């Protein structure tokens, strides 16, 4: 999977060389609505997966309420892949540990399960 990310990054670079604008600029100019959002998410994830997932986790817990499905999907799916690096990126971006924010935004057995997956006590 890592090789396909590299291939896509090369395609994005070549698109910029040919068109004179980034793929993100093209998406912003040409698309709207859910398709715009989906394509931007794909490009952002390919360009920097750690930052993408850290921001997704932050957005899932920002404001009133928690987007539990996003939180669960990312923490569970990335737990054995790159969650350790996502945790570092989260702390770099937001100045707080992912564990501390999850603890403050969740409760009960749900909190215990997420903290265990994140790697906390």
PDB file of N, CA and C in Angstrom:
ATOM      1  N   UNK A   1       0.826  -1.199   0.000  1.00  0.00           N
ATOM      2  CA  UNK A   1       0.000   0.000   0.000  1.00  0.00           C
ATOM      3  C   UNK A   1       0.863   1.253   0.000  1.00  0.00           C
ATOM      4  N   UNK A   2       2.007   1.207   0.678  1.00  0.00           N
ATOM      5  CA  UNK A   2       2.873   2.384   0.736  1.00  0.00           C
ATOM      6  C   UNK A   2       3.364   2.776  -0.653  1.00  0.00           C
ATOM      7  N   UNK A   3       3.644   1.774  -1.491  1.00  0.00           N
ATOM      8  CA  UNK A   3       4.116   2.049  -2.847  1.00  0.00           C
ATOM      9  C   UNK A   3       3.048   2.756  -3.667  1.00  0.00           C
ATOM     10  N   UNK A   4       1.770   2.411  -3.480  1.00  0.00           N
ATOM     11  CA  UNK A   4       0.729   3.090  -4.233  1.00  0.00           C
ATOM     12  C   UNK A   4       0.589   4.542  -3.806  1.00  0.00           C
ATOM     13  N   UNK A   5       0.862   4.837  -2.531  1.00  0.00           N
ATOM     14  CA  UNK A   5       0.863   6.232  -2.079  1.00  0.00           C
ATOM     15  C   UNK A   5       1.966   6.994  -2.807  1.00  0.00           C
ATOM     16  N   UNK A   6       3.137   6.375  -2.912  1.00  0.00           N
ATOM     17  CA  UNK A   6       4.253   7.018  -3.613  1.00  0.00           C
ATOM     18  C   UNK A   6       3.903   7.256  -5.078  1.00  0.00           C
ATOM     19  N   UNK A   7       3.279   6.273  -5.697  1.00  0.00           N
ATOM     20  CA  UNK A   7       2.875   6.426  -7.098  1.00  0.00           C
ATOM     21  C   UNK A   7       1.883   7.573  -7.249  1.00  0.00           C
ATOM     22  N   UNK A   8       0.926   7.642  -6.341  1.00  0.00           N
ATOM     23  CA  UNK A   8      -0.059   8.724  -6.410  1.00  0.00           C
ATOM     24  C   UNK A   8       0.596  10.086  -6.199  1.00  0.00           C
ATOM     25  N   UNK A   9       1.554  10.166  -5.286  1.00  0.00           N
ATOM     26  CA  UNK A   9       2.262  11.436  -5.078  1.00  0.00           C
ATOM     27  C   UNK A   9       2.982  11.861  -6.358  1.00  0.00           C
ATOM     28  N   UNK A  10       3.573  10.900  -7.045  1.00  0.00           N
ATOM     29  CA  UNK A  10       4.233  11.208  -8.316  1.00  0.00           C
ATOM     30  C   UNK A  10       3.222  11.689  -9.360  1.00  0.00           C
ATOM     31  N   UNK A  11       2.063  11.072  -9.388  1.00  0.00           N
ATOM     32  CA  UNK A  11       1.003  11.505 -10.301  1.00  0.00           C
ATOM     33  C   UNK A  11       0.574  12.931  -9.958  1.00  0.00           C
ATOM     34  N   UNK A  12       0.411  13.221  -8.665  1.00  0.00           N
ATOM     35  CA  UNK A  12       0.022  14.576  -8.240  1.00  0.00           C
ATOM     36  C   UNK A  12       1.073  15.593  -8.677  1.00  0.00           C
ATOM     37  N   UNK A  13       2.351  15.247  -8.505  1.00  0.00           N
ATOM     38  CA  UNK A  13       3.440  16.145  -8.913  1.00  0.00           C
ATOM     39  C   UNK A  13       3.427  16.369 -10.425  1.00  0.00           C
ATOM     40  N   UNK A  14       3.226  15.298 -11.166  1.00  0.00           N
ATOM     41  CA  UNK A  14       3.198  15.416 -12.629  1.00  0.00           C
ATOM     42  C   UNK A  14       1.993  16.239 -13.083  1.00  0.00           C
ATOM     43  N   UNK A  15       0.863  16.068 -12.404  1.00  0.00           N
ATOM     44  CA  UNK A  15      -0.316  16.881 -12.722  1.00  0.00           C
ATOM     45  C   UNK A  15       0.023  18.360 -12.573  1.00  0.00           C
ATOM     46  N   UNK A  16       0.715  18.700 -11.501  1.00  0.00           N
ATOM     47  CA  UNK A  16       1.100  20.102 -11.273  1.00  0.00           C
ATOM     48  C   UNK A  16       2.056  20.584 -12.362  1.00  0.00           C
ATOM     49  N   UNK A  17       3.014  19.744 -12.746  1.00  0.00           N
ATOM     50  CA  UNK A  17       3.953  20.114 -13.808  1.00  0.00           C
ATOM     51  C   UNK A  17       3.234  20.378 -15.131  1.00  0.00           C
ATOM     52  N   UNK A  18       2.260  19.557 -15.440  1.00  0.00           N
ATOM     53  CA  UNK A  18       1.545  19.674 -16.713  1.00  0.00           C
ATOM     54  C   UNK A  18       0.536  20.821 -16.691  1.00  0.00           C
ATOM     55  N   UNK A  19      -0.228  20.920 -15.601  1.00  0.00           N
ATOM     56  CA  UNK A  19      -1.344  21.875 -15.575  1.00  0.00           C
ATOM     57  C   UNK A  19      -0.985  23.231 -14.966  1.00  0.00           C
ATOM     58  N   UNK A  20       0.098  23.272 -14.191  1.00  0.00           N
ATOM     59  CA  UNK A  20       0.461  24.526 -13.538  1.00  0.00           C
ATOM     60  C   UNK A  20      -0.307  24.800 -12.262  1.00  0.00           C
ATOM     61  N   UNK A  21      -1.078  23.848 -11.813  1.00  0.00           N
ATOM     62  CA  UNK A  21      -1.788  23.995 -10.534  1.00  0.00           C
ATOM     63  C   UNK A  21      -1.829  22.650  -9.832  1.00  0.00           C
ATOM     64  N   UNK A  22      -1.982  22.706  -8.529  1.00  0.00           N
ATOM     65  CA  UNK A  22      -2.021  21.469  -7.759  1.00  0.00           C
ATOM     66  C   UNK A  22      -3.364  20.777  -7.964  1.00  0.00           C
ATOM     67  N   UNK A  23      -3.384  19.511  -7.635  1.00  0.00           N
ATOM     68  CA  UNK A  23      -4.630  18.761  -7.718  1.00  0.00           C
ATOM     69  C   UNK A  23      -5.655  19.331  -6.741  1.00  0.00           C
ATOM     70  N   UNK A  24      -5.188  19.788  -5.574  1.00  0.00           N
ATOM     71  CA  UNK A  24      -6.098  20.411  -4.603  1.00  0.00           C
ATOM     72  C   UNK A  24      -6.760  21.647  -5.201  1.00  0.00           C
ATOM     73  N   UNK A  25      -5.977  22.479  -5.899  1.00  0.00           N
ATOM     74  CA  UNK A  25      -6.543  23.671  -6.537  1.00  0.00           C
ATOM     75  C   UNK A  25      -7.579  23.281  -7.584  1.00  0.00           C
ATOM     76  N   UNK A  26      -7.283  22.265  -8.361  1.00  0.00           N
ATOM     77  CA  UNK A  26      -8.223  21.804  -9.389  1.00  0.00           C
ATOM     78  C   UNK A  26      -9.516  21.298  -8.755  1.00  0.00           C
ATOM     79  N   UNK A  27      -9.390  20.550  -7.682  1.00  0.00           N
ATOM     80  CA  UNK A  27     -10.581  20.027  -7.000  1.00  0.00           C
ATOM     81  C   UNK A  27     -11.417  21.180  -6.461  1.00  0.00           C
ATOM     82  N   UNK A  28     -10.765  22.159  -5.829  1.00  0.00           N
ATOM     83  CA  UNK A  28     -11.489  23.324  -5.294  1.00  0.00           C
ATOM     84  C   UNK A  28     -12.209  24.083  -6.400  1.00  0.00           C
ATOM     85  N   UNK A  29     -11.551  24.221  -7.559  1.00  0.00           N
ATOM     86  CA  UNK A  29     -12.126  24.983  -8.667  1.00  0.00           C
ATOM     87  C   UNK A  29     -13.218  24.230  -9.416  1.00  0.00           C
ATOM     88  N   UNK A  30     -13.103  22.924  -9.492  1.00  0.00           N
ATOM     89  CA  UNK A  30     -13.964  22.149 -10.387  1.00  0.00           C
ATOM     90  C   UNK A  30     -15.076  21.357  -9.702  1.00  0.00           C
ATOM     91  N   UNK A  31     -14.930  21.065  -8.427  1.00  0.00           N
ATOM     92  CA  UNK A  31     -15.897  20.189  -7.761  1.00  0.00           C
ATOM     93  C   UNK A  31     -16.572  20.899  -6.597  1.00  0.00           C
ATOM     94  N   UNK A  32     -17.707  20.354  -6.183  1.00  0.00           N
ATOM     95  CA  UNK A  32     -18.399  20.883  -5.007  1.00  0.00           C
ATOM     96  C   UNK A  32     -19.144  19.745  -4.316  1.00  0.00           C
ATOM     97  N   UNK A  33     -19.630  20.049  -3.137  1.00  0.00           N
ATOM     98  CA  UNK A  33     -20.446  19.096  -2.402  1.00  0.00           C
ATOM     99  C   UNK A  33     -19.680  17.871  -1.938  1.00  0.00           C
ATOM    100  N   UNK A  34     -20.385  16.760  -1.808  1.00  0.00           N
ATOM    101  CA  UNK A  34     -19.764  15.539  -1.287  1.00  0.00           C
ATOM    102  C   UNK A  34     -18.604  15.018  -2.137  1.00  0.00           C
ATOM    103  N   UNK A  35     -18.682  15.186  -3.453  1.00  0.00           N
ATOM    104  CA  UNK A  35     -17.585  14.729  -4.308  1.00  0.00           C
ATOM    105  C   UNK A  35     -16.327  15.549  -4.033  1.00  0.00           C
ATOM    106  N   UNK A  36     -16.476  16.857  -3.872  1.00  0.00           N
ATOM    107  CA  UNK A  36     -15.349  17.727  -3.506  1.00  0.00           C
ATOM    108  C   UNK A  36     -14.722  17.243  -2.206  1.00  0.00           C
ATOM    109  N   UNK A  37     -15.562  17.027  -1.192  1.00  0.00           N
ATOM    110  CA  UNK A  37     -15.065  16.608   0.123  1.00  0.00           C
ATOM    111  C   UNK A  37     -14.337  15.273   0.046  1.00  0.00           C
ATOM    112  N   UNK A  38     -14.904  14.331  -0.700  1.00  0.00           N
ATOM    113  CA  UNK A  38     -14.289  13.005  -0.819  1.00  0.00           C
ATOM    114  C   UNK A  38     -12.948  13.081  -1.542  1.00  0.00           C
ATOM    115  N   UNK A  39     -12.899  13.815  -2.633  1.00  0.00           N
ATOM    116  CA  UNK A  39     -11.648  13.917  -3.393  1.00  0.00           C
ATOM    117  C   UNK A  39     -10.567  14.652  -2.600  1.00  0.00           C
ATOM    118  N   UNK A  40     -10.945  15.700  -1.871  1.00  0.00           N
ATOM    119  CA  UNK A  40      -9.972  16.416  -1.044  1.00  0.00           C
ATOM    120  C   UNK A  40      -9.433  15.491   0.045  1.00  0.00           C
ATOM    121  N   UNK A  41     -10.298  14.682   0.628  1.00  0.00           N
ATOM    122  CA  UNK A  41      -9.855  13.745   1.664  1.00  0.00           C
ATOM    123  C   UNK A  41      -8.858  12.744   1.093  1.00  0.00           C
ATOM    124  N   UNK A  42      -9.117  12.239  -0.099  1.00  0.00           N
ATOM    125  CA  UNK A  42      -8.195  11.287  -0.729  1.00  0.00           C
ATOM    126  C   UNK A  42      -6.838  11.939  -0.958  1.00  0.00           C
ATOM    127  N   UNK A  43      -6.831  13.134  -1.528  1.00  0.00           N
ATOM    128  CA  UNK A  43      -5.570  13.824  -1.821  1.00  0.00           C
ATOM    129  C   UNK A  43      -4.808  14.122  -0.534  1.00  0.00           C
ATOM    130  N   UNK A  44      -5.506  14.631   0.475  1.00  0.00           N
ATOM    131  CA  UNK A  44      -4.844  14.949   1.745  1.00  0.00           C
ATOM    132  C   UNK A  44      -4.290  13.700   2.408  1.00  0.00           C
ATOM    133  N   UNK A  45      -5.026  12.612   2.361  1.00  0.00           N
ATOM    134  CA  UNK A  45      -4.566  11.363   2.967  1.00  0.00           C
ATOM    135  C   UNK A  45      -3.336  10.828   2.247  1.00  0.00           C
ATOM    136  N   UNK A  46      -3.335  10.894   0.941  1.00  0.00           N
ATOM    137  CA  UNK A  46      -2.190  10.405   0.167  1.00  0.00           C
ATOM    138  C   UNK A  46      -0.960  11.261   0.431  1.00  0.00           C
ATOM    139  N   UNK A  47      -1.141  12.578   0.475  1.00  0.00           N
ATOM    140  CA  UNK A  47       0.007  13.470   0.619  1.00  0.00           C
ATOM    141  C   UNK A  47       0.655  13.362   1.991  1.00  0.00           C
ATOM    142  N   UNK A  48      -0.148  13.242   3.046  1.00  0.00           N
ATOM    143  CA  UNK A  48       0.425  13.097   4.384  1.00  0.00           C
ATOM    144  C   UNK A  48      -0.562  12.347   5.276  1.00  0.00           C
ATOM    145  N   UNK A  49      -0.516  11.017   5.261  1.00  0.00           N
ATOM    146  CA  UNK A  49      -1.488  10.228   6.015  1.00  0.00           C
ATOM    147  C   UNK A  49      -1.494  10.530   7.510  1.00  0.00           C
ATOM    148  N   UNK A  50      -0.332  10.738   8.110  1.00  0.00           N
ATOM    149  CA  UNK A  50      -0.290  10.980   9.555  1.00  0.00           C
ATOM    150  C   UNK A  50      -1.016  12.266   9.913  1.00  0.00           C
ATOM    151  N   UNK A  51      -0.769  13.323   9.162  1.00  0.00           N
ATOM    152  CA  UNK A  51      -1.454  14.594   9.404  1.00  0.00           C
ATOM    153  C   UNK A  51      -2.946  14.449   9.132  1.00  0.00           C
ATOM    154  N   UNK A  52      -3.292  13.754   8.064  1.00  0.00           N
ATOM    155  CA  UNK A  52      -4.698  13.548   7.732  1.00  0.00           C
ATOM    156  C   UNK A  52      -5.437  12.876   8.890  1.00  0.00           C
ATOM    157  N   UNK A  53      -4.892  11.768   9.389  1.00  0.00           N
ATOM    158  CA  UNK A  53      -5.568  11.052  10.470  1.00  0.00           C
ATOM    159  C   UNK A  53      -5.572  11.846  11.769  1.00  0.00           C
ATOM    160  N   UNK A  54      -4.494  12.559  12.070  1.00  0.00           N
ATOM    161  CA  UNK A  54      -4.459  13.387  13.278  1.00  0.00           C
ATOM    162  C   UNK A  54      -5.548  14.457  13.215  1.00  0.00           C
ATOM    163  N   UNK A  55      -5.702  15.090  12.071  1.00  0.00           N
ATOM    164  CA  UNK A  55      -6.741  16.117  11.916  1.00  0.00           C
ATOM    165  C   UNK A  55      -8.137  15.511  11.990  1.00  0.00           C
ATOM    166  N   UNK A  56      -8.314  14.336  11.401  1.00  0.00           N
ATOM    167  CA  UNK A  56      -9.612  13.665  11.473  1.00  0.00           C
ATOM    168  C   UNK A  56      -9.980  13.346  12.923  1.00  0.00           C
ATOM    169  N   UNK A  57      -9.004  12.859  13.690  1.00  0.00           N
ATOM    170  CA  UNK A  57      -9.247  12.570  15.107  1.00  0.00           C
ATOM    171  C   UNK A  57      -9.577  13.843  15.867  1.00  0.00           C
ATOM    172  N   UNK A  58      -8.827  14.895  15.602  1.00  0.00           N
ATOM    173  CA  UNK A  58      -9.087  16.176  16.270  1.00  0.00           C
ATOM    174  C   UNK A  58     -10.502  16.664  15.955  1.00  0.00           C
ATOM    175  N   UNK A  59     -10.866  16.646  14.681  1.00  0.00           N
ATOM    176  CA  UNK A  59     -12.196  17.106  14.275  1.00  0.00           C
ATOM    177  C   UNK A  59     -13.304  16.245  14.868  1.00  0.00           C
ATOM    178  N   UNK A  60     -13.032  14.961  15.059  1.00  0.00           N
ATOM    179  CA  UNK A  60     -14.038  14.061  15.638  1.00  0.00           C
ATOM    180  C   UNK A  60     -14.333  14.407  17.092  1.00  0.00           C
ATOM    181  N   UNK A  61     -13.373  15.042  17.762  1.00  0.00           N
ATOM    182  CA  UNK A  61     -13.556  15.353  19.185  1.00  0.00           C
ATOM    183  C   UNK A  61     -13.710  16.845  19.454  1.00  0.00           C
ATOM    184  N   UNK A  62     -13.618  17.681  18.439  1.00  0.00           N
ATOM    185  CA  UNK A  62     -13.717  19.132  18.618  1.00  0.00           C
ATOM    186  C   UNK A  62     -15.177  19.550  18.757  1.00  0.00           C
ATOM    187  N   UNK A  63     -15.402  20.591  19.530  1.00  0.00           N
ATOM    188  CA  UNK A  63     -16.747  21.132  19.672  1.00  0.00           C
ATOM    189  C   UNK A  63     -17.634  20.261  20.537  1.00  0.00           C
ATOM    190  N   UNK A  64     -18.914  20.487  20.383  1.00  0.00           N
ATOM    191  CA  UNK A  64     -19.898  19.763  21.191  1.00  0.00           C
ATOM    192  C   UNK A  64     -20.104  18.373  20.606  1.00  0.00           C
ATOM    193  N   UNK A  65     -20.032  17.381  21.474  1.00  0.00           N
ATOM    194  CA  UNK A  65     -20.234  16.004  21.037  1.00  0.00           C
ATOM    195  C   UNK A  65     -18.989  15.416  20.402  1.00  0.00           C
ATOM    196  N   UNK A  66     -19.010  14.120  20.271  1.00  0.00           N
ATOM    197  CA  UNK A  66     -17.886  13.392  19.684  1.00  0.00           C
ATOM    198  C   UNK A  66     -18.416  12.553  18.536  1.00  0.00           C
ATOM    199  N   UNK A  67     -17.714  12.569  17.428  1.00  0.00           N
ATOM    200  CA  UNK A  67     -18.092  11.728  16.289  1.00  0.00           C
ATOM    201  C   UNK A  67     -17.490  10.343  16.523  1.00  0.00           C
ATOM    202  N   UNK A  68     -18.245   9.537  17.259  1.00  0.00           N
ATOM    203  CA  UNK A  68     -17.744   8.239  17.705  1.00  0.00           C
ATOM    204  C   UNK A  68     -17.344   7.323  16.555  1.00  0.00           C
ATOM    205  N   UNK A  69     -18.110   7.318  15.479  1.00  0.00           N
ATOM    206  CA  UNK A  69     -17.787   6.400  14.383  1.00  0.00           C
ATOM    207  C   UNK A  69     -16.425   6.737  13.775  1.00  0.00           C
ATOM    208  N   UNK A  70     -16.102   8.023  13.651  1.00  0.00           N
ATOM    209  CA  UNK A  70     -14.795   8.429  13.123  1.00  0.00           C
ATOM    210  C   UNK A  70     -13.693   8.031  14.087  1.00  0.00           C
ATOM    211  N   UNK A  71     -13.911   8.291  15.358  1.00  0.00           N
ATOM    212  CA  UNK A  71     -12.929   7.962  16.392  1.00  0.00           C
ATOM    213  C   UNK A  71     -12.631   6.461  16.395  1.00  0.00           C
ATOM    214  N   UNK A  72     -13.666   5.662  16.409  1.00  0.00           N
ATOM    215  CA  UNK A  72     -13.507   4.206  16.429  1.00  0.00           C
ATOM    216  C   UNK A  72     -12.829   3.719  15.147  1.00  0.00           C
ATOM    217  N   UNK A  73     -13.313   4.198  14.006  1.00  0.00           N
ATOM    218  CA  UNK A  73     -12.773   3.743  12.716  1.00  0.00           C
ATOM    219  C   UNK A  73     -11.273   3.985  12.623  1.00  0.00           C
ATOM    220  N   UNK A  74     -10.831   5.184  12.985  1.00  0.00           N
ATOM    221  CA  UNK A  74      -9.408   5.499  12.844  1.00  0.00           C
ATOM    222  C   UNK A  74      -8.577   4.770  13.889  1.00  0.00           C
ATOM    223  N   UNK A  75      -8.986   4.815  15.142  1.00  0.00           N
ATOM    224  CA  UNK A  75      -8.179   4.193  16.198  1.00  0.00           C
ATOM    225  C   UNK A  75      -8.085   2.686  15.995  1.00  0.00           C
ATOM    226  N   UNK A  76      -9.192   2.046  15.668  1.00  0.00           N
ATOM    227  CA  UNK A  76      -9.167   0.593  15.472  1.00  0.00           C
ATOM    228  C   UNK A  76      -8.397   0.230  14.199  1.00  0.00           C
ATOM    229  N   UNK A  77      -8.692   0.902  13.103  1.00  0.00           N
ATOM    230  CA  UNK A  77      -8.070   0.505  11.832  1.00  0.00           C
ATOM    231  C   UNK A  77      -6.582   0.820  11.766  1.00  0.00           C
ATOM    232  N   UNK A  78      -6.117   1.834  12.492  1.00  0.00           N
ATOM    233  CA  UNK A  78      -4.705   2.216  12.436  1.00  0.00           C
ATOM    234  C   UNK A  78      -3.905   1.692  13.623  1.00  0.00           C
ATOM    235  N   UNK A  79      -4.561   1.012  14.569  1.00  0.00           N
ATOM    236  CA  UNK A  79      -3.894   0.633  15.825  1.00  0.00           C
ATOM    237  C   UNK A  79      -2.670  -0.246  15.624  1.00  0.00           C
ATOM    238  N   UNK A  80      -2.679  -1.105  14.644  1.00  0.00           N
ATOM    239  CA  UNK A  80      -1.531  -1.989  14.418  1.00  0.00           C
ATOM    240  C   UNK A  80      -0.722  -1.571  13.194  1.00  0.00           C
ATOM    241  N   UNK A  81      -1.026  -0.404  12.653  1.00  0.00           N
ATOM    242  CA  UNK A  81      -0.332   0.051  11.451  1.00  0.00           C
ATOM    243  C   UNK A  81       0.580   1.234  11.769  1.00  0.00           C
ATOM    244  N   UNK A  82      -0.024   2.365  12.133  1.00  0.00           N
ATOM    245  CA  UNK A  82       0.770   3.575  12.337  1.00  0.00           C
ATOM    246  C   UNK A  82       0.193   4.504  13.403  1.00  0.00           C
ATOM    247  N   UNK A  83      -0.606   3.951  14.315  1.00  0.00           N
ATOM    248  CA  UNK A  83      -1.223   4.793  15.336  1.00  0.00           C
ATOM    249  C   UNK A  83      -0.178   5.486  16.208  1.00  0.00           C
ATOM    250  N   UNK A  84       0.942   4.826  16.472  1.00  0.00           N
ATOM    251  CA  UNK A  84       2.005   5.460  17.254  1.00  0.00           C
ATOM    252  C   UNK A  84       2.493   6.739  16.598  1.00  0.00           C
ATOM    253  N   UNK A  85       2.669   6.711  15.292  1.00  0.00           N
ATOM    254  CA  UNK A  85       3.104   7.907  14.564  1.00  0.00           C
ATOM    255  C   UNK A  85       1.995   8.949  14.472  1.00  0.00           C
ATOM    256  N   UNK A  86       0.755   8.503  14.366  1.00  0.00           N
ATOM    257  CA  UNK A  86      -0.382   9.429  14.357  1.00  0.00           C
ATOM    258  C   UNK A  86      -0.459  10.142  15.701  1.00  0.00           C
ATOM    259  N   UNK A  87      -0.217   9.414  16.788  1.00  0.00           N
ATOM    260  CA  UNK A  87      -0.214  10.035  18.124  1.00  0.00           C
ATOM    261  C   UNK A  87       0.830  11.141  18.208  1.00  0.00           C
ATOM    262  N   UNK A  88       2.016  10.887  17.686  1.00  0.00           N
ATOM    263  CA  UNK A  88       3.082  11.906  17.695  1.00  0.00           C
ATOM    264  C   UNK A  88       2.680  13.123  16.867  1.00  0.00           C
ATOM    265  N   UNK A  89       2.090  12.880  15.719  1.00  0.00           N
ATOM    266  CA  UNK A  89       1.659  13.980  14.847  1.00  0.00           C
ATOM    267  C   UNK A  89       0.540  14.776  15.509  1.00  0.00           C
ATOM    268  N   UNK A  90      -0.373  14.080  16.180  1.00  0.00           N
ATOM    269  CA  UNK A  90      -1.464  14.749  16.890  1.00  0.00           C
ATOM    270  C   UNK A  90      -0.894  15.698  17.941  1.00  0.00           C
ATOM    271  N   UNK A  91       0.049  15.208  18.722  1.00  0.00           N
ATOM    272  CA  UNK A  91       0.643  16.045  19.767  1.00  0.00           C
ATOM    273  C   UNK A  91       1.418  17.214  19.156  1.00  0.00           C
ATOM    274  N   UNK A  92       2.090  16.978  18.053  1.00  0.00           N
ATOM    275  CA  UNK A  92       2.830  18.056  17.383  1.00  0.00           C
ATOM    276  C   UNK A  92       1.870  19.146  16.890  1.00  0.00           C
ATOM    277  N   UNK A  93       0.739  18.731  16.329  1.00  0.00           N
ATOM    278  CA  UNK A  93      -0.218  19.692  15.775  1.00  0.00           C
ATOM    279  C   UNK A  93      -1.006  20.438  16.842  1.00  0.00           C
ATOM    280  N   UNK A  94      -1.381  19.737  17.917  1.00  0.00           N
ATOM    281  CA  UNK A  94      -2.343  20.302  18.861  1.00  0.00           C
ATOM    282  C   UNK A  94      -1.798  20.537  20.265  1.00  0.00           C
ATOM    283  N   UNK A  95      -0.567  20.118  20.533  1.00  0.00           N
ATOM    284  CA  UNK A  95       0.044  20.377  21.831  1.00  0.00           C
ATOM    285  C   UNK A  95      -0.542  19.580  22.982  1.00  0.00           C
ATOM    286  N   UNK A  96      -1.322  18.568  22.672  1.00  0.00           N
ATOM    287  CA  UNK A  96      -1.917  17.681  23.678  1.00  0.00           C
ATOM    288  C   UNK A  96      -1.770  16.256  23.176  1.00  0.00           C
ATOM    289  N   UNK A  97      -1.719  15.314  24.113  1.00  0.00           N
ATOM    290  CA  UNK A  97      -1.641  13.924  23.675  1.00  0.00           C
ATOM    291  C   UNK A  97      -3.019  13.450  23.228  1.00  0.00           C
ATOM    292  N   UNK A  98      -3.031  12.543  22.282  1.00  0.00           N
ATOM    293  CA  UNK A  98      -4.282  11.953  21.822  1.00  0.00           C
ATOM    294  C   UNK A  98      -4.985  11.270  22.985  1.00  0.00           C
ATOM    295  N   UNK A  99      -4.205  10.576  23.803  1.00  0.00           N
ATOM    296  CA  UNK A  99      -4.785   9.877  24.952  1.00  0.00           C
ATOM    297  C   UNK A  99      -5.508  10.838  25.886  1.00  0.00           C
ATOM    298  N   UNK A 100      -4.901  11.977  26.202  1.00  0.00           N
ATOM    299  CA  UNK A 100      -5.526  12.920  27.141  1.00  0.00           C
ATOM    300  C   UNK A 100      -6.829  13.480  26.578  1.00  0.00           C
ATOM    301  N   UNK A 101      -6.866  13.736  25.293  1.00  0.00           N
ATOM    302  CA  UNK A 101      -8.084  14.273  24.685  1.00  0.00           C
ATOM    303  C   UNK A 101      -9.167  13.196  24.635  1.00  0.00           C
ATOM    304  N   UNK A 102      -8.798  11.973  24.276  1.00  0.00           N
ATOM    305  CA  UNK A 102      -9.769  10.877  24.264  1.00  0.00           C
ATOM    306  C   UNK A 102     -10.334  10.668  25.666  1.00  0.00           C
ATOM    307  N   UNK A 103      -9.476  10.716  26.680  1.00  0.00           N
ATOM    308  CA  UNK A 103      -9.946  10.552  28.059  1.00  0.00           C
ATOM    309  C   UNK A 103     -10.938  11.640  28.449  1.00  0.00           C
ATOM    310  N   UNK A 104     -10.721  12.867  27.981  1.00  0.00           N
ATOM    311  CA  UNK A 104     -11.617  13.963  28.359  1.00  0.00           C
ATOM    312  C   UNK A 104     -12.910  13.974  27.541  1.00  0.00           C
ATOM    313  N   UNK A 105     -12.907  13.332  26.386  1.00  0.00           N
ATOM    314  CA  UNK A 105     -14.070  13.374  25.497  1.00  0.00           C
ATOM    315  C   UNK A 105     -14.935  12.117  25.539  1.00  0.00           C
ATOM    316  N   UNK A 106     -14.466  11.070  26.224  1.00  0.00           N
ATOM    317  CA  UNK A 106     -15.215   9.814  26.268  1.00  0.00           C
ATOM    318  C   UNK A 106     -15.359   9.364  27.718  1.00  0.00           C
ATOM    319  N   UNK A 107     -16.120   8.303  27.929  1.00  0.00           N
ATOM    320  CA  UNK A 107     -16.320   7.823  29.301  1.00  0.00           C
ATOM    321  C   UNK A 107     -16.560   6.314  29.326  1.00  0.00           C
ATOM    322  N   UNK A 108     -16.497   5.779  30.539  1.00  0.00           N
ATOM    323  CA  UNK A 108     -16.839   4.383  30.778  1.00  0.00           C
ATOM    324  C   UNK A 108     -15.958   3.377  30.062  1.00  0.00           C
ATOM    325  N   UNK A 109     -16.577   2.236  29.740  1.00  0.00           N
ATOM    326  CA  UNK A 109     -15.852   1.158  29.061  1.00  0.00           C
ATOM    327  C   UNK A 109     -15.386   1.578  27.670  1.00  0.00           C
ATOM    328  N   UNK A 110     -16.160   2.446  27.044  1.00  0.00           N
ATOM    329  CA  UNK A 110     -15.783   2.981  25.731  1.00  0.00           C
ATOM    330  C   UNK A 110     -14.438   3.703  25.837  1.00  0.00           C
ATOM    331  N   UNK A 111     -14.291   4.549  26.849  1.00  0.00           N
ATOM    332  CA  UNK A 111     -13.029   5.261  27.071  1.00  0.00           C
ATOM    333  C   UNK A 111     -11.908   4.270  27.347  1.00  0.00           C
ATOM    334  N   UNK A 112     -12.163   3.291  28.199  1.00  0.00           N
ATOM    335  CA  UNK A 112     -11.131   2.295  28.533  1.00  0.00           C
ATOM    336  C   UNK A 112     -10.657   1.546  27.287  1.00  0.00           C
ATOM    337  N   UNK A 113     -11.596   1.182  26.427  1.00  0.00           N
ATOM    338  CA  UNK A 113     -11.238   0.439  25.211  1.00  0.00           C
ATOM    339  C   UNK A 113     -10.393   1.299  24.274  1.00  0.00           C
ATOM    340  N   UNK A 114     -10.801   2.544  24.073  1.00  0.00           N
ATOM    341  CA  UNK A 114     -10.034   3.426  23.187  1.00  0.00           C
ATOM    342  C   UNK A 114      -8.642   3.698  23.745  1.00  0.00           C
ATOM    343  N   UNK A 115      -8.559   3.968  25.040  1.00  0.00           N
ATOM    344  CA  UNK A 115      -7.259   4.239  25.669  1.00  0.00           C
ATOM    345  C   UNK A 115      -6.360   3.009  25.564  1.00  0.00           C
ATOM    346  N   UNK A 116      -6.931   1.823  25.731  1.00  0.00           N
ATOM    347  CA  UNK A 116      -6.138   0.593  25.596  1.00  0.00           C
ATOM    348  C   UNK A 116      -5.588   0.459  24.172  1.00  0.00           C
ATOM    349  N   UNK A 117      -6.404   0.763  23.185  1.00  0.00           N
ATOM    350  CA  UNK A 117      -5.943   0.695  21.794  1.00  0.00           C
ATOM    351  C   UNK A 117      -4.879   1.748  21.498  1.00  0.00           C
ATOM    352  N   UNK A 118      -5.046   2.923  22.097  1.00  0.00           N
ATOM    353  CA  UNK A 118      -4.074   4.002  21.898  1.00  0.00           C
ATOM    354  C   UNK A 118      -2.751   3.652  22.562  1.00  0.00           C
ATOM    355  N   UNK A 119      -2.828   2.849  23.608  1.00  0.00           N
ATOM    356  CA  UNK A 119      -1.598   2.429  24.276  1.00  0.00           C
ATOM    357  C   UNK A 119      -1.389   3.069  25.622  1.00  0.00           C
ATOM    358  N   UNK A 120      -2.454   3.590  26.217  1.00  0.00           N
ATOM    359  CA  UNK A 120      -2.342   4.204  27.538  1.00  0.00           C
ATOM    360  C   UNK A 120      -2.551   3.197  28.643  1.00  0.00           C
ATOM    361  N   UNK A 121      -2.386   3.664  29.892  1.00  0.00           N
ATOM    362  CA  UNK A 121      -2.560   2.757  31.045  1.00  0.00           C
ATOM    363  C   UNK A 121      -4.002   2.349  31.257  1.00  0.00           C
TER     364      UNK A 121
END
